[in-house]
Each structure stands twice: as C-alpha cells, then as structure tokens.
Amino acid sequence: MVEVVLRAVRVDVGSSTPLLLLEEVNGDRVLPIFIGAPEATAIAYALQNVETPRPMSHDLLGAVIESLGAQLFAVEITDLVDNTFYALLRLVRDDVEISVSARPSDAVALALRVGAPMLVRDDLMSDETRLVLLDEDDDAEPAEDEDELLAELRDFLDTVKPEDFDQ
C-alpha cells in the first residue's frame, strides 16, 4: 500500500465533474478520482473546518464509529472495476479488525475528519496515476485559494443538470 494525501479537489474542465487528486507521500505520482458534487463539497468543508448547524453524513459516521468503541485506523483505495474505484474503511474494535466497503470520496471525507491515513493499493498507484501539473501552492491544506475552490464548487452545483451525468 502507498500512503497518499489529498493534494487538491478540482472541477475537471472537460466534464465539469469534481476530481480528487491523491498524491503519494514521498513521491510524485498523483491518482485522480472523479467524485460527486455533494462529496466534493463535504471534503471542501472538512478541509476548511467548516462548522455546520447539524452533523453532515461523514461527521455522523465518525461519531457512530466512536460511539461503538471503534476507531478508523486507515482508509484504503483497493480496486478499480469498470472505471469505478472502490475503497475500504479499516476499523478496529476490541483488537478486532473490521473492513467496510465504501466509495473513495466518502472514505476520504471521513479520513479527513478523523485524521486517519489514506492508502492506495500499489498496483493501482502504478497503473492509474496520471501526470497532473499542479502549482507549488496548489495544496489541499486550508489556504487562501480554498474560497476559490468553494466558489467553483458552488458554481458547479448551481449549473449542473441531471443530463450532464448521462455517459
């Protein structure tokens, strides 16, 4: 497994679809994963530590895991089948490991909220990484350009139509 960090959340110009860019720790490879607009918004909120009046789904899931006496110790991007990525939530409770299937976007959103490491299977990282040109200051960490990202996501949500997803 290769440890990755969330380098950026962007909107793909060609498809108008949000995109996660997962960059390997101590390396240059970047794994792009297309995600849904609500998940992109949830991840952007997590990056900015935005407080919502009620818990979002990922906050709720983190609270449920904790309430059950478990801990999320990692999320893993494990498979790519028919252009769809798959992930696992790796939990531990009473020294017993539990794996739960998840969408990568949900896994990343949860990992950001609880501080769990994110991992990608070695062969996926080798086979599916793309050359992505990022600016040096193009970080996922909360920064001045995060307002721009939120504005970009809001614009996407305001203009997207159901037929945009028919592919």
Protein backbone atom coordinates (compact mmCIF):
# COMPACT_ATOMS: atom_id res chain seq x y z
CA MET A 1 0.00 0.00 0.00
CA VAL A 2 1.09 3.53 -0.82
CA GLU A 3 0.22 6.32 1.60
CA VAL A 4 -1.36 9.33 -0.08
CA VAL A 5 -2.52 12.78 0.91
CA LEU A 6 -5.27 14.84 -0.62
CA ARG A 7 -3.39 17.28 -2.81
CA ALA A 8 -6.40 19.08 -4.27
CA VAL A 9 -10.08 18.97 -5.12
CA ARG A 10 -10.79 20.43 -8.51
CA VAL A 11 -13.51 20.52 -11.14
CA ASP A 12 -12.47 18.80 -14.38
CA VAL A 13 -12.90 21.36 -17.16
CA GLY A 14 -13.90 18.86 -19.85
CA SER A 15 -16.58 17.02 -17.90
CA SER A 16 -17.49 19.62 -15.23
CA THR A 17 -17.07 16.84 -12.68
CA PRO A 18 -15.30 17.22 -9.31
CA LEU A 19 -12.00 15.41 -9.07
CA LEU A 20 -9.85 14.31 -6.11
CA LEU A 21 -6.11 14.40 -6.61
CA LEU A 22 -4.41 11.96 -4.23
CA GLU A 23 -0.64 12.39 -4.15
CA GLU A 24 1.72 9.77 -2.79
CA VAL A 25 3.65 10.71 0.32
CA ASN A 26 7.36 10.98 -0.52
CA GLY A 27 6.69 10.75 -4.25
CA ASP A 28 5.41 12.49 -7.34
CA ARG A 29 2.57 10.27 -8.51
CA VAL A 30 -0.98 11.62 -8.39
CA LEU A 31 -4.09 9.44 -8.55
CA PRO A 32 -7.14 11.30 -9.94
CA ILE A 33 -10.58 10.07 -8.86
CA PHE A 34 -13.82 11.57 -10.17
CA ILE A 35 -16.38 12.13 -7.41
CA GLY A 36 -19.85 13.59 -6.97
CA ALA A 37 -20.55 17.23 -6.24
CA PRO A 38 -22.02 16.62 -2.74
CA GLU A 39 -18.95 14.62 -1.74
CA ALA A 40 -16.65 17.34 -3.12
CA THR A 41 -18.50 19.89 -1.03
CA ALA A 42 -18.22 17.69 2.08
CA ILE A 43 -14.48 17.29 1.51
CA ALA A 44 -14.02 21.03 0.97
CA TYR A 45 -15.90 21.68 4.23
CA ALA A 46 -13.62 19.21 6.04
CA LEU A 47 -10.53 20.93 4.63
CA GLN A 48 -11.75 24.30 5.84
CA ASN A 49 -13.05 23.02 9.18
CA VAL A 50 -16.46 24.47 8.32
CA GLU A 51 -18.91 24.01 11.17
CA THR A 52 -22.42 23.06 10.07
CA PRO A 53 -25.51 23.53 12.25
CA ARG A 54 -26.19 19.78 12.13
CA PRO A 55 -23.73 16.93 11.54
CA MET A 56 -23.05 16.07 7.92
CA SER A 57 -23.15 12.39 6.98
CA HIS A 58 -19.39 11.95 7.38
CA ASP A 59 -19.43 13.65 10.78
CA LEU A 60 -22.29 11.37 11.78
CA LEU A 61 -20.43 8.26 10.63
CA GLY A 62 -17.33 9.28 12.58
CA ALA A 63 -19.45 9.81 15.70
CA VAL A 64 -21.16 6.42 15.25
CA ILE A 65 -17.81 4.65 14.88
CA GLU A 66 -16.52 6.35 18.02
CA SER A 67 -19.75 5.67 19.96
CA LEU A 68 -19.44 1.97 19.16
CA GLY A 69 -15.96 1.92 20.67
CA ALA A 70 -14.20 1.52 17.33
CA GLN A 71 -11.51 3.54 15.61
CA LEU A 72 -10.90 4.21 11.93
CA PHE A 73 -7.20 3.40 11.56
CA ALA A 74 -6.98 3.75 7.76
CA VAL A 75 -8.88 4.06 4.52
CA GLU A 76 -7.70 2.09 1.52
CA ILE A 77 -8.43 2.57 -2.17
CA THR A 78 -8.41 -1.08 -3.22
CA ASP A 79 -9.90 -1.68 -6.65
CA LEU A 80 -10.87 -0.20 -9.98
CA VAL A 81 -13.68 -2.07 -11.76
CA ASP A 82 -15.37 -0.70 -14.89
CA ASN A 83 -13.94 2.78 -14.25
CA THR A 84 -15.27 2.79 -10.68
CA PHE A 85 -12.88 2.96 -7.73
CA TYR A 86 -13.61 1.01 -4.55
CA ALA A 87 -12.38 1.66 -1.03
CA LEU A 88 -12.39 0.09 2.41
CA LEU A 89 -12.78 1.67 5.81
CA ARG A 90 -10.35 -0.17 8.13
CA LEU A 91 -11.69 -0.16 11.67
CA VAL A 92 -10.52 -1.73 14.90
CA ARG A 93 -12.68 -2.51 17.91
CA ASP A 94 -11.59 -4.60 20.88
CA ASP A 95 -8.46 -5.68 18.95
CA VAL A 96 -10.62 -7.00 16.10
CA GLU A 97 -10.17 -5.55 12.62
CA ILE A 98 -13.30 -4.76 10.63
CA SER A 99 -13.35 -3.79 6.94
CA VAL A 100 -16.31 -1.90 5.49
CA SER A 101 -16.75 -1.24 1.78
CA ALA A 102 -17.02 2.46 0.86
CA ARG A 103 -16.83 4.88 -2.01
CA PRO A 104 -13.41 6.56 -2.14
CA SER A 105 -14.99 10.01 -1.79
CA ASP A 106 -16.76 9.01 1.43
CA ALA A 107 -13.63 7.28 2.72
CA VAL A 108 -11.51 10.39 2.07
CA ALA A 109 -14.10 12.70 3.65
CA LEU A 110 -14.20 10.51 6.76
CA ALA A 111 -10.40 10.15 6.95
CA LEU A 112 -10.02 13.93 6.82
CA ARG A 113 -12.46 14.35 9.69
CA VAL A 114 -10.85 11.79 12.00
CA GLY A 115 -7.22 12.13 10.93
CA ALA A 116 -6.83 8.59 9.56
CA PRO A 117 -4.18 7.81 6.94
CA MET A 118 -5.22 7.20 3.33
CA LEU A 119 -3.67 4.32 1.38
CA VAL A 120 -3.82 3.16 -2.25
CA ARG A 121 -3.04 -0.35 -3.41
CA ASP A 122 0.43 -0.44 -5.04
CA ASP A 123 -0.67 -1.65 -8.47
CA LEU A 124 -3.48 0.95 -8.66
CA MET A 125 -0.98 3.67 -7.88
CA SER A 126 1.35 2.35 -10.58
CA ASP A 127 -1.31 1.73 -13.24
CA GLU A 128 -3.76 4.61 -12.74
CA THR A 129 -1.65 7.62 -11.84
CA ARG A 130 -1.62 10.49 -14.28
CA LEU A 131 0.65 13.38 -14.97
CA VAL A 132 -1.06 16.31 -13.28
CA LEU A 133 0.54 19.71 -13.34
CA LEU A 134 -0.03 21.41 -10.03
CA ASP A 135 1.25 24.74 -8.85
CA GLU A 136 3.59 24.65 -5.87
CA ASP A 137 0.94 26.41 -3.79
CA ASP A 138 -1.83 24.08 -5.08
CA ASP A 139 -2.32 22.36 -1.73
CA ALA A 140 -5.32 20.68 -0.16
CA GLU A 141 -4.44 22.29 3.14
CA PRO A 142 -6.65 25.23 4.08
CA ALA A 143 -5.19 28.19 2.24
CA GLU A 144 -6.15 31.42 0.57
CA ASP A 145 -7.40 29.63 -2.57
CA GLU A 146 -9.92 27.49 -0.65
CA ASP A 147 -12.51 30.26 -1.05
CA GLU A 148 -11.95 29.97 -4.78
CA LEU A 149 -12.49 26.20 -4.59
CA LEU A 150 -15.75 26.62 -2.68
CA ALA A 151 -16.92 29.23 -5.19
CA GLU A 152 -16.01 26.85 -8.03
CA LEU A 153 -17.98 24.02 -6.38
CA ARG A 154 -20.97 26.26 -5.69
CA ASP A 155 -20.96 27.40 -9.31
CA PHE A 156 -20.84 23.76 -10.42
CA LEU A 157 -23.78 22.85 -8.16
CA ASP A 158 -25.78 25.82 -9.42
CA THR A 159 -25.28 24.95 -13.09
CA VAL A 160 -25.17 21.14 -13.19
CA LYS A 161 -28.11 19.34 -14.81
CA PRO A 162 -29.09 15.66 -14.47
CA GLU A 163 -28.33 15.03 -18.14
CA ASP A 164 -24.71 16.11 -17.51
CA PHE A 165 -24.22 12.74 -15.80
CA ASP A 166 -25.56 10.59 -18.65
CA GLN A 167 -22.43 8.98 -20.05
